[in-house]
Amino acid sequence: MWQLWLTGLIGIWVLISPWVYRFSSNTGALWNSIIFGAVTIILAIWALVAYKSKQ
């Protein structure tokens, strides 16, 4: 279960990384980070809900 929380945190980190590392002016890298981070967060939440409903 801790892996799901870690995956969510990694998704948040990827989502905010363009501003932390100051590469938000690079449009391609910015959108890549936003989309990949958002998808990772959504999948982590989905997996967490599925895991909780099985118990």
PDB file of N, CA and C in Angstrom:
ATOM      1  N   MET A   1       0.810  -1.187   0.000  1.00  0.00           N
ATOM      2  CA  MET A   1       0.000   0.000   0.000  1.00  0.00           C
ATOM      3  C   MET A   1       0.867   1.270   0.000  1.00  0.00           C
ATOM      4  N   TRP A   2       2.011   1.197   0.630  1.00  0.00           N
ATOM      5  CA  TRP A   2       2.890   2.371   0.661  1.00  0.00           C
ATOM      6  C   TRP A   2       3.371   2.729  -0.738  1.00  0.00           C
ATOM      7  N   GLN A   3       3.408   1.742  -1.634  1.00  0.00           N
ATOM      8  CA  GLN A   3       3.846   2.011  -2.995  1.00  0.00           C
ATOM      9  C   GLN A   3       2.872   2.941  -3.716  1.00  0.00           C
ATOM     10  N   LEU A   4       1.586   2.811  -3.399  1.00  0.00           N
ATOM     11  CA  LEU A   4       0.587   3.669  -4.029  1.00  0.00           C
ATOM     12  C   LEU A   4       0.747   5.113  -3.571  1.00  0.00           C
ATOM     13  N   TRP A   5       1.030   5.297  -2.292  1.00  0.00           N
ATOM     14  CA  TRP A   5       1.256   6.652  -1.777  1.00  0.00           C
ATOM     15  C   TRP A   5       2.532   7.240  -2.378  1.00  0.00           C
ATOM     16  N   LEU A   6       3.558   6.418  -2.492  1.00  0.00           N
ATOM     17  CA  LEU A   6       4.812   6.890  -3.075  1.00  0.00           C
ATOM     18  C   LEU A   6       4.621   7.276  -4.542  1.00  0.00           C
ATOM     19  N   THR A   7       3.841   6.492  -5.261  1.00  0.00           N
ATOM     20  CA  THR A   7       3.556   6.803  -6.654  1.00  0.00           C
ATOM     21  C   THR A   7       2.821   8.137  -6.775  1.00  0.00           C
ATOM     22  N   GLY A   8       1.875   8.376  -5.878  1.00  0.00           N
ATOM     23  CA  GLY A   8       1.172   9.652  -5.874  1.00  0.00           C
ATOM     24  C   GLY A   8       2.107  10.824  -5.602  1.00  0.00           C
ATOM     25  N   LEU A   9       3.023  10.644  -4.659  1.00  0.00           N
ATOM     26  CA  LEU A   9       3.988  11.703  -4.357  1.00  0.00           C
ATOM     27  C   LEU A   9       4.927  11.960  -5.532  1.00  0.00           C
ATOM     28  N   ILE A  10       5.326  10.905  -6.205  1.00  0.00           N
ATOM     29  CA  ILE A  10       6.172  11.069  -7.388  1.00  0.00           C
ATOM     30  C   ILE A  10       5.403  11.814  -8.479  1.00  0.00           C
ATOM     31  N   GLY A  11       4.129  11.503  -8.635  1.00  0.00           N
ATOM     32  CA  GLY A  11       3.309  12.223  -9.603  1.00  0.00           C
ATOM     33  C   GLY A  11       3.209  13.706  -9.285  1.00  0.00           C
ATOM     34  N   ILE A  12       3.054  14.027  -7.993  1.00  0.00           N
ATOM     35  CA  ILE A  12       3.014  15.436  -7.590  1.00  0.00           C
ATOM     36  C   ILE A  12       4.350  16.106  -7.877  1.00  0.00           C
ATOM     37  N   TRP A  13       5.435  15.396  -7.574  1.00  0.00           N
ATOM     38  CA  TRP A  13       6.762  15.962  -7.825  1.00  0.00           C
ATOM     39  C   TRP A  13       6.980  16.228  -9.320  1.00  0.00           C
ATOM     40  N   VAL A  14       6.590  15.279 -10.155  1.00  0.00           N
ATOM     41  CA  VAL A  14       6.752  15.468 -11.602  1.00  0.00           C
ATOM     42  C   VAL A  14       5.892  16.638 -12.072  1.00  0.00           C
ATOM     43  N   LEU A  15       4.717  16.789 -11.488  1.00  0.00           N
ATOM     44  CA  LEU A  15       3.819  17.873 -11.867  1.00  0.00           C
ATOM     45  C   LEU A  15       4.392  19.246 -11.524  1.00  0.00           C
ATOM     46  N   ILE A  16       5.041  19.380 -10.388  1.00  0.00           N
ATOM     47  CA  ILE A  16       5.560  20.690  -9.977  1.00  0.00           C
ATOM     48  C   ILE A  16       7.021  20.920 -10.380  1.00  0.00           C
ATOM     49  N   SER A  17       7.678  19.904 -10.902  1.00  0.00           N
ATOM     50  CA  SER A  17       9.105  20.013 -11.218  1.00  0.00           C
ATOM     51  C   SER A  17       9.471  21.114 -12.221  1.00  0.00           C
ATOM     52  N   PRO A  18       8.626  21.456 -13.206  1.00  0.00           N
ATOM     53  CA  PRO A  18       9.034  22.540 -14.112  1.00  0.00           C
ATOM     54  C   PRO A  18       9.280  23.870 -13.393  1.00  0.00           C
ATOM     55  N   TRP A  19       8.540  24.121 -12.341  1.00  0.00           N
ATOM     56  CA  TRP A  19       8.710  25.374 -11.605  1.00  0.00           C
ATOM     57  C   TRP A  19       9.814  25.263 -10.563  1.00  0.00           C
ATOM     58  N   VAL A  20      10.011  24.072 -10.030  1.00  0.00           N
ATOM     59  CA  VAL A  20      11.079  23.880  -9.044  1.00  0.00           C
ATOM     60  C   VAL A  20      12.438  23.991  -9.724  1.00  0.00           C
ATOM     61  N   TYR A  21      12.572  23.337 -10.870  1.00  0.00           N
ATOM     62  CA  TYR A  21      13.846  23.348 -11.590  1.00  0.00           C
ATOM     63  C   TYR A  21      13.928  24.435 -12.657  1.00  0.00           C
ATOM     64  N   ARG A  22      12.923  25.274 -12.735  1.00  0.00           N
ATOM     65  CA  ARG A  22      12.887  26.456 -13.602  1.00  0.00           C
ATOM     66  C   ARG A  22      13.072  26.141 -15.096  1.00  0.00           C
ATOM     67  N   PHE A  23      12.335  25.134 -15.570  1.00  0.00           N
ATOM     68  CA  PHE A  23      12.336  24.895 -17.008  1.00  0.00           C
ATOM     69  C   PHE A  23      10.932  25.061 -17.583  1.00  0.00           C
ATOM     70  N   SER A  24      10.125  25.875 -16.910  1.00  0.00           N
ATOM     71  CA  SER A  24       8.754  26.089 -17.374  1.00  0.00           C
ATOM     72  C   SER A  24       8.690  26.901 -18.667  1.00  0.00           C
ATOM     73  N   SER A  25       9.772  27.547 -19.048  1.00  0.00           N
ATOM     74  CA  SER A  25       9.780  28.281 -20.314  1.00  0.00           C
ATOM     75  C   SER A  25       9.905  27.346 -21.513  1.00  0.00           C
ATOM     76  N   ASN A  26      10.345  26.120 -21.279  1.00  0.00           N
ATOM     77  CA  ASN A  26      10.426  25.109 -22.331  1.00  0.00           C
ATOM     78  C   ASN A  26       9.055  24.439 -22.431  1.00  0.00           C
ATOM     79  N   THR A  27       8.272  24.857 -23.414  1.00  0.00           N
ATOM     80  CA  THR A  27       6.874  24.449 -23.512  1.00  0.00           C
ATOM     81  C   THR A  27       6.698  22.933 -23.619  1.00  0.00           C
ATOM     82  N   GLY A  28       7.520  22.281 -24.411  1.00  0.00           N
ATOM     83  CA  GLY A  28       7.394  20.833 -24.567  1.00  0.00           C
ATOM     84  C   GLY A  28       7.647  20.088 -23.272  1.00  0.00           C
ATOM     85  N   ALA A  29       8.704  20.452 -22.577  1.00  0.00           N
ATOM     86  CA  ALA A  29       9.018  19.801 -21.304  1.00  0.00           C
ATOM     87  C   ALA A  29       7.980  20.134 -20.243  1.00  0.00           C
ATOM     88  N   LEU A  30       7.457  21.353 -20.271  1.00  0.00           N
ATOM     89  CA  LEU A  30       6.426  21.759 -19.317  1.00  0.00           C
ATOM     90  C   LEU A  30       5.185  20.892 -19.463  1.00  0.00           C
ATOM     91  N   TRP A  31       4.688  20.778 -20.687  1.00  0.00           N
ATOM     92  CA  TRP A  31       3.470  19.988 -20.907  1.00  0.00           C
ATOM     93  C   TRP A  31       3.701  18.504 -20.677  1.00  0.00           C
ATOM     94  N   ASN A  32       4.883  18.032 -20.987  1.00  0.00           N
ATOM     95  CA  ASN A  32       5.200  16.636 -20.715  1.00  0.00           C
ATOM     96  C   ASN A  32       5.122  16.365 -19.216  1.00  0.00           C
ATOM     97  N   SER A  33       5.684  17.243 -18.412  1.00  0.00           N
ATOM     98  CA  SER A  33       5.653  17.068 -16.964  1.00  0.00           C
ATOM     99  C   SER A  33       4.244  17.186 -16.409  1.00  0.00           C
ATOM    100  N   ILE A  34       3.483  18.132 -16.918  1.00  0.00           N
ATOM    101  CA  ILE A  34       2.111  18.311 -16.430  1.00  0.00           C
ATOM    102  C   ILE A  34       1.259  17.094 -16.748  1.00  0.00           C
ATOM    103  N   ILE A  35       1.321  16.630 -17.990  1.00  0.00           N
ATOM    104  CA  ILE A  35       0.487  15.492 -18.400  1.00  0.00           C
ATOM    105  C   ILE A  35       0.929  14.214 -17.695  1.00  0.00           C
ATOM    106  N   PHE A  36       2.227  13.945 -17.697  1.00  0.00           N
ATOM    107  CA  PHE A  36       2.722  12.722 -17.066  1.00  0.00           C
ATOM    108  C   PHE A  36       2.450  12.732 -15.560  1.00  0.00           C
ATOM    109  N   GLY A  37       2.641  13.881 -14.916  1.00  0.00           N
ATOM    110  CA  GLY A  37       2.364  13.988 -13.486  1.00  0.00           C
ATOM    111  C   GLY A  37       0.895  13.781 -13.171  1.00  0.00           C
ATOM    112  N   ALA A  38       0.020  14.411 -13.953  1.00  0.00           N
ATOM    113  CA  ALA A  38      -1.418  14.276 -13.731  1.00  0.00           C
ATOM    114  C   ALA A  38      -1.885  12.839 -13.939  1.00  0.00           C
ATOM    115  N   VAL A  39      -1.408  12.195 -14.994  1.00  0.00           N
ATOM    116  CA  VAL A  39      -1.786  10.795 -15.256  1.00  0.00           C
ATOM    117  C   VAL A  39      -1.284   9.896 -14.133  1.00  0.00           C
ATOM    118  N   THR A  40      -0.084  10.130 -13.655  1.00  0.00           N
ATOM    119  CA  THR A  40       0.464   9.327 -12.562  1.00  0.00           C
ATOM    120  C   THR A  40      -0.360   9.497 -11.286  1.00  0.00           C
ATOM    121  N   ILE A  41      -0.744  10.720 -10.982  1.00  0.00           N
ATOM    122  CA  ILE A  41      -1.571  10.974  -9.795  1.00  0.00           C
ATOM    123  C   ILE A  41      -2.932  10.296  -9.932  1.00  0.00           C
ATOM    124  N   ILE A  42      -3.554  10.424 -11.088  1.00  0.00           N
ATOM    125  CA  ILE A  42      -4.864   9.816 -11.312  1.00  0.00           C
ATOM    126  C   ILE A  42      -4.797   8.304 -11.183  1.00  0.00           C
ATOM    127  N   LEU A  43      -3.774   7.694 -11.766  1.00  0.00           N
ATOM    128  CA  LEU A  43      -3.646   6.236 -11.682  1.00  0.00           C
ATOM    129  C   LEU A  43      -3.342   5.771 -10.262  1.00  0.00           C
ATOM    130  N   ALA A  44      -2.568   6.553  -9.518  1.00  0.00           N
ATOM    131  CA  ALA A  44      -2.281   6.196  -8.132  1.00  0.00           C
ATOM    132  C   ALA A  44      -3.548   6.256  -7.288  1.00  0.00           C
ATOM    133  N   ILE A  45      -4.360   7.289  -7.497  1.00  0.00           N
ATOM    134  CA  ILE A  45      -5.625   7.395  -6.760  1.00  0.00           C
ATOM    135  C   ILE A  45      -6.562   6.260  -7.141  1.00  0.00           C
ATOM    136  N   TRP A  46      -6.624   5.956  -8.430  1.00  0.00           N
ATOM    137  CA  TRP A  46      -7.484   4.875  -8.908  1.00  0.00           C
ATOM    138  C   TRP A  46      -7.059   3.538  -8.291  1.00  0.00           C
ATOM    139  N   ALA A  47      -5.772   3.269  -8.259  1.00  0.00           N
ATOM    140  CA  ALA A  47      -5.270   2.033  -7.675  1.00  0.00           C
ATOM    141  C   ALA A  47      -5.528   1.987  -6.170  1.00  0.00           C
ATOM    142  N   LEU A  48      -5.405   3.110  -5.507  1.00  0.00           N
ATOM    143  CA  LEU A  48      -5.665   3.173  -4.066  1.00  0.00           C
ATOM    144  C   LEU A  48      -7.124   2.897  -3.763  1.00  0.00           C
ATOM    145  N   VAL A  49      -8.029   3.465  -4.553  1.00  0.00           N
ATOM    146  CA  VAL A  49      -9.470   3.220  -4.367  1.00  0.00           C
ATOM    147  C   VAL A  49      -9.787   1.753  -4.630  1.00  0.00           C
ATOM    148  N   ALA A  50      -9.200   1.178  -5.671  1.00  0.00           N
ATOM    149  CA  ALA A  50      -9.438  -0.239  -5.987  1.00  0.00           C
ATOM    150  C   ALA A  50      -8.900  -1.130  -4.872  1.00  0.00           C
ATOM    151  N   TYR A  51      -7.756  -0.771  -4.325  1.00  0.00           N
ATOM    152  CA  TYR A  51      -7.170  -1.542  -3.235  1.00  0.00           C
ATOM    153  C   TYR A  51      -8.046  -1.478  -1.983  1.00  0.00           C
ATOM    154  N   LYS A  52      -8.538  -0.295  -1.664  1.00  0.00           N
ATOM    155  CA  LYS A  52      -9.382  -0.120  -0.481  1.00  0.00           C
ATOM    156  C   LYS A  52     -10.719  -0.839  -0.636  1.00  0.00           C
ATOM    157  N   SER A  53     -11.270  -0.898  -1.853  1.00  0.00           N
ATOM    158  CA  SER A  53     -12.569  -1.547  -2.051  1.00  0.00           C
ATOM    159  C   SER A  53     -12.473  -3.068  -1.981  1.00  0.00           C
ATOM    160  N   LYS A  54     -11.279  -3.615  -2.200  1.00  0.00           N
ATOM    161  CA  LYS A  54     -11.093  -5.068  -2.103  1.00  0.00           C
ATOM    162  C   LYS A  54     -11.049  -5.547  -0.665  1.00  0.00           C
ATOM    163  N   GLN A  55     -10.717  -4.654   0.246  1.00  0.00           N
ATOM    164  CA  GLN A  55     -10.589  -5.074   1.636  1.00  0.00           C
ATOM    165  C   GLN A  55     -11.910  -5.143   2.325  1.00  0.00           C
TER     166      GLN A  55
END
